[in-house]
Amino acid sequence: MDQNHLTRSIECRDVGGRRTALRVYAEPGAIFLKAPAGEVAHLDPPQIETVKQALTDALVIAVRGDQP
């Protein structure tokens, strides 16, 4: 993985129970969240913890420009 970029994918389900993913991308100066197109991501507590960690790591990339 490029030292200045982060990509994390969190497996989840949509409101219909179908498997999908929430994605977190980061680069120096920017953080991007990609939710399932036109859907709502249903996350259980462990998945929420994974999103939290992905966003924390993304913040390091966006602010410092390197991997946490």
N, C-alpha and C. Protein backbone atom coordinates (compact mmCIF):
# COMPACT_ATOMS: atom_id res chain seq x y z
N MET A 1 0.86 -1.19 0.00
CA MET A 1 0.00 0.00 0.00
C MET A 1 0.89 1.23 0.00
N ASP A 2 0.50 2.23 -0.72
CA ASP A 2 1.19 3.50 -0.76
C ASP A 2 1.21 4.10 0.64
N GLN A 3 2.36 4.59 1.08
CA GLN A 3 2.50 5.18 2.41
C GLN A 3 1.57 6.36 2.63
N ASN A 4 1.17 7.06 1.59
CA ASN A 4 0.37 8.27 1.73
C ASN A 4 -1.11 8.07 1.41
N HIS A 5 -1.56 6.83 1.36
CA HIS A 5 -2.96 6.55 1.06
C HIS A 5 -3.47 5.43 1.96
N LEU A 6 -4.74 5.43 2.21
CA LEU A 6 -5.37 4.40 3.03
C LEU A 6 -6.67 3.99 2.37
N THR A 7 -6.93 2.70 2.32
CA THR A 7 -8.21 2.18 1.85
C THR A 7 -8.65 1.10 2.83
N ARG A 8 -9.83 1.26 3.39
CA ARG A 8 -10.39 0.24 4.29
C ARG A 8 -11.81 -0.06 3.83
N SER A 9 -12.17 -1.32 3.88
CA SER A 9 -13.51 -1.76 3.50
C SER A 9 -14.12 -2.48 4.70
N ILE A 10 -15.30 -2.04 5.11
CA ILE A 10 -16.00 -2.63 6.25
C ILE A 10 -17.23 -3.36 5.72
N GLU A 11 -17.21 -4.67 5.81
CA GLU A 11 -18.34 -5.45 5.34
C GLU A 11 -19.55 -5.17 6.23
N CYS A 12 -20.73 -5.05 5.63
CA CYS A 12 -21.95 -4.78 6.38
C CYS A 12 -23.13 -5.31 5.56
N ARG A 13 -24.32 -4.98 6.00
CA ARG A 13 -25.53 -5.35 5.28
C ARG A 13 -26.36 -4.10 5.04
N ASP A 14 -27.14 -4.12 3.98
CA ASP A 14 -28.05 -3.00 3.74
C ASP A 14 -29.36 -3.28 4.47
N VAL A 15 -30.32 -2.37 4.36
CA VAL A 15 -31.59 -2.55 5.09
C VAL A 15 -32.35 -3.78 4.63
N GLY A 16 -32.05 -4.28 3.45
CA GLY A 16 -32.69 -5.49 2.95
C GLY A 16 -31.96 -6.76 3.37
N GLY A 17 -30.88 -6.61 4.13
CA GLY A 17 -30.12 -7.76 4.60
C GLY A 17 -29.07 -8.27 3.63
N ARG A 18 -28.89 -7.58 2.49
CA ARG A 18 -27.90 -8.01 1.50
C ARG A 18 -26.51 -7.55 1.93
N ARG A 19 -25.51 -8.37 1.62
CA ARG A 19 -24.13 -8.00 1.93
C ARG A 19 -23.68 -6.84 1.07
N THR A 20 -22.97 -5.92 1.70
CA THR A 20 -22.41 -4.76 1.00
C THR A 20 -21.20 -4.28 1.80
N ALA A 21 -20.67 -3.12 1.48
CA ALA A 21 -19.51 -2.62 2.20
C ALA A 21 -19.55 -1.09 2.30
N LEU A 22 -19.02 -0.61 3.40
CA LEU A 22 -18.77 0.81 3.61
C LEU A 22 -17.27 0.97 3.43
N ARG A 23 -16.84 1.96 2.68
CA ARG A 23 -15.41 2.12 2.42
C ARG A 23 -14.91 3.46 2.91
N VAL A 24 -13.68 3.44 3.43
CA VAL A 24 -13.00 4.64 3.90
C VAL A 24 -11.72 4.77 3.09
N TYR A 25 -11.54 5.92 2.47
CA TYR A 25 -10.33 6.22 1.72
C TYR A 25 -9.71 7.48 2.30
N ALA A 26 -8.38 7.56 2.30
CA ALA A 26 -7.72 8.77 2.78
C ALA A 26 -6.45 9.02 1.98
N GLU A 27 -6.13 10.28 1.87
CA GLU A 27 -4.89 10.75 1.27
C GLU A 27 -4.55 12.04 2.00
N PRO A 28 -3.34 12.53 1.86
CA PRO A 28 -3.01 13.77 2.55
C PRO A 28 -4.03 14.87 2.23
N GLY A 29 -4.63 15.41 3.27
CA GLY A 29 -5.58 16.51 3.12
C GLY A 29 -7.02 16.12 2.87
N ALA A 30 -7.33 14.81 2.76
CA ALA A 30 -8.71 14.43 2.44
C ALA A 30 -9.07 13.05 2.97
N ILE A 31 -10.33 12.91 3.40
CA ILE A 31 -10.90 11.63 3.80
C ILE A 31 -12.20 11.46 3.02
N PHE A 32 -12.41 10.26 2.48
CA PHE A 32 -13.61 9.97 1.70
C PHE A 32 -14.33 8.77 2.30
N LEU A 33 -15.64 8.85 2.40
CA LEU A 33 -16.47 7.73 2.81
C LEU A 33 -17.35 7.34 1.63
N LYS A 34 -17.39 6.06 1.33
CA LYS A 34 -18.26 5.58 0.26
C LYS A 34 -19.24 4.58 0.85
N ALA A 35 -20.49 4.98 0.88
CA ALA A 35 -21.55 4.11 1.38
C ALA A 35 -22.15 3.33 0.22
N PRO A 36 -22.88 2.26 0.54
CA PRO A 36 -23.56 1.51 -0.53
C PRO A 36 -24.47 2.44 -1.34
N ALA A 37 -24.38 2.37 -2.64
CA ALA A 37 -25.14 3.26 -3.52
C ALA A 37 -26.64 3.16 -3.26
N GLY A 38 -27.23 4.27 -2.87
CA GLY A 38 -28.67 4.34 -2.67
C GLY A 38 -29.19 3.52 -1.50
N GLU A 39 -28.31 3.06 -0.64
CA GLU A 39 -28.71 2.19 0.47
C GLU A 39 -28.25 2.77 1.80
N VAL A 40 -28.65 2.13 2.84
CA VAL A 40 -28.23 2.46 4.19
C VAL A 40 -27.38 1.30 4.69
N ALA A 41 -26.22 1.60 5.28
CA ALA A 41 -25.37 0.55 5.83
C ALA A 41 -25.82 0.22 7.25
N HIS A 42 -26.11 -1.05 7.49
CA HIS A 42 -26.48 -1.52 8.83
C HIS A 42 -25.21 -2.09 9.46
N LEU A 43 -24.76 -1.47 10.56
CA LEU A 43 -23.52 -1.87 11.21
C LEU A 43 -23.80 -2.37 12.62
N ASP A 44 -23.17 -3.49 12.98
CA ASP A 44 -23.27 -3.96 14.36
C ASP A 44 -22.10 -3.36 15.17
N PRO A 45 -22.09 -3.51 16.48
CA PRO A 45 -21.04 -2.86 17.28
C PRO A 45 -19.60 -3.17 16.84
N PRO A 46 -19.23 -4.41 16.52
CA PRO A 46 -17.85 -4.63 16.06
C PRO A 46 -17.54 -3.90 14.74
N GLN A 47 -18.52 -3.82 13.85
CA GLN A 47 -18.30 -3.10 12.59
C GLN A 47 -18.17 -1.60 12.85
N ILE A 48 -18.91 -1.08 13.81
CA ILE A 48 -18.79 0.33 14.16
C ILE A 48 -17.39 0.61 14.71
N GLU A 49 -16.87 -0.30 15.51
CA GLU A 49 -15.50 -0.15 16.03
C GLU A 49 -14.50 -0.14 14.88
N THR A 50 -14.73 -0.99 13.87
CA THR A 50 -13.84 -1.02 12.70
C THR A 50 -13.91 0.30 11.93
N VAL A 51 -15.10 0.85 11.77
CA VAL A 51 -15.25 2.16 11.11
C VAL A 51 -14.52 3.23 11.92
N LYS A 52 -14.69 3.21 13.22
CA LYS A 52 -14.02 4.17 14.09
C LYS A 52 -12.51 4.12 13.91
N GLN A 53 -11.94 2.90 13.90
CA GLN A 53 -10.49 2.77 13.72
C GLN A 53 -10.07 3.21 12.33
N ALA A 54 -10.86 2.87 11.31
CA ALA A 54 -10.53 3.28 9.94
C ALA A 54 -10.52 4.80 9.82
N LEU A 55 -11.49 5.47 10.47
CA LEU A 55 -11.53 6.94 10.42
C LEU A 55 -10.38 7.55 11.21
N THR A 56 -10.00 6.94 12.32
CA THR A 56 -8.85 7.42 13.09
C THR A 56 -7.58 7.30 12.25
N ASP A 57 -7.39 6.16 11.59
CA ASP A 57 -6.23 5.98 10.71
C ASP A 57 -6.27 6.96 9.54
N ALA A 58 -7.46 7.17 8.98
CA ALA A 58 -7.62 8.10 7.86
C ALA A 58 -7.25 9.53 8.28
N LEU A 59 -7.60 9.89 9.50
CA LEU A 59 -7.27 11.23 9.99
C LEU A 59 -5.76 11.43 10.06
N VAL A 60 -5.04 10.41 10.47
CA VAL A 60 -3.56 10.50 10.50
C VAL A 60 -3.03 10.74 9.10
N ILE A 61 -3.53 9.98 8.13
CA ILE A 61 -3.08 10.16 6.74
C ILE A 61 -3.41 11.56 6.25
N ALA A 62 -4.64 11.99 6.48
CA ALA A 62 -5.09 13.29 5.97
C ALA A 62 -4.30 14.45 6.59
N VAL A 63 -3.96 14.34 7.87
CA VAL A 63 -3.27 15.44 8.55
C VAL A 63 -1.76 15.34 8.41
N ARG A 64 -1.21 14.16 8.67
CA ARG A 64 0.25 14.02 8.67
C ARG A 64 0.81 13.55 7.34
N GLY A 65 -0.04 12.87 6.56
CA GLY A 65 0.41 12.41 5.25
C GLY A 65 1.15 11.10 5.26
N ASP A 66 1.10 10.36 6.39
CA ASP A 66 1.77 9.06 6.43
C ASP A 66 0.92 8.07 7.21
N GLN A 67 1.31 6.81 7.16
CA GLN A 67 0.55 5.74 7.82
C GLN A 67 0.62 5.92 9.33
N PRO A 68 -0.47 5.58 10.03
CA PRO A 68 -0.47 5.65 11.50
C PRO A 68 0.45 4.59 12.11
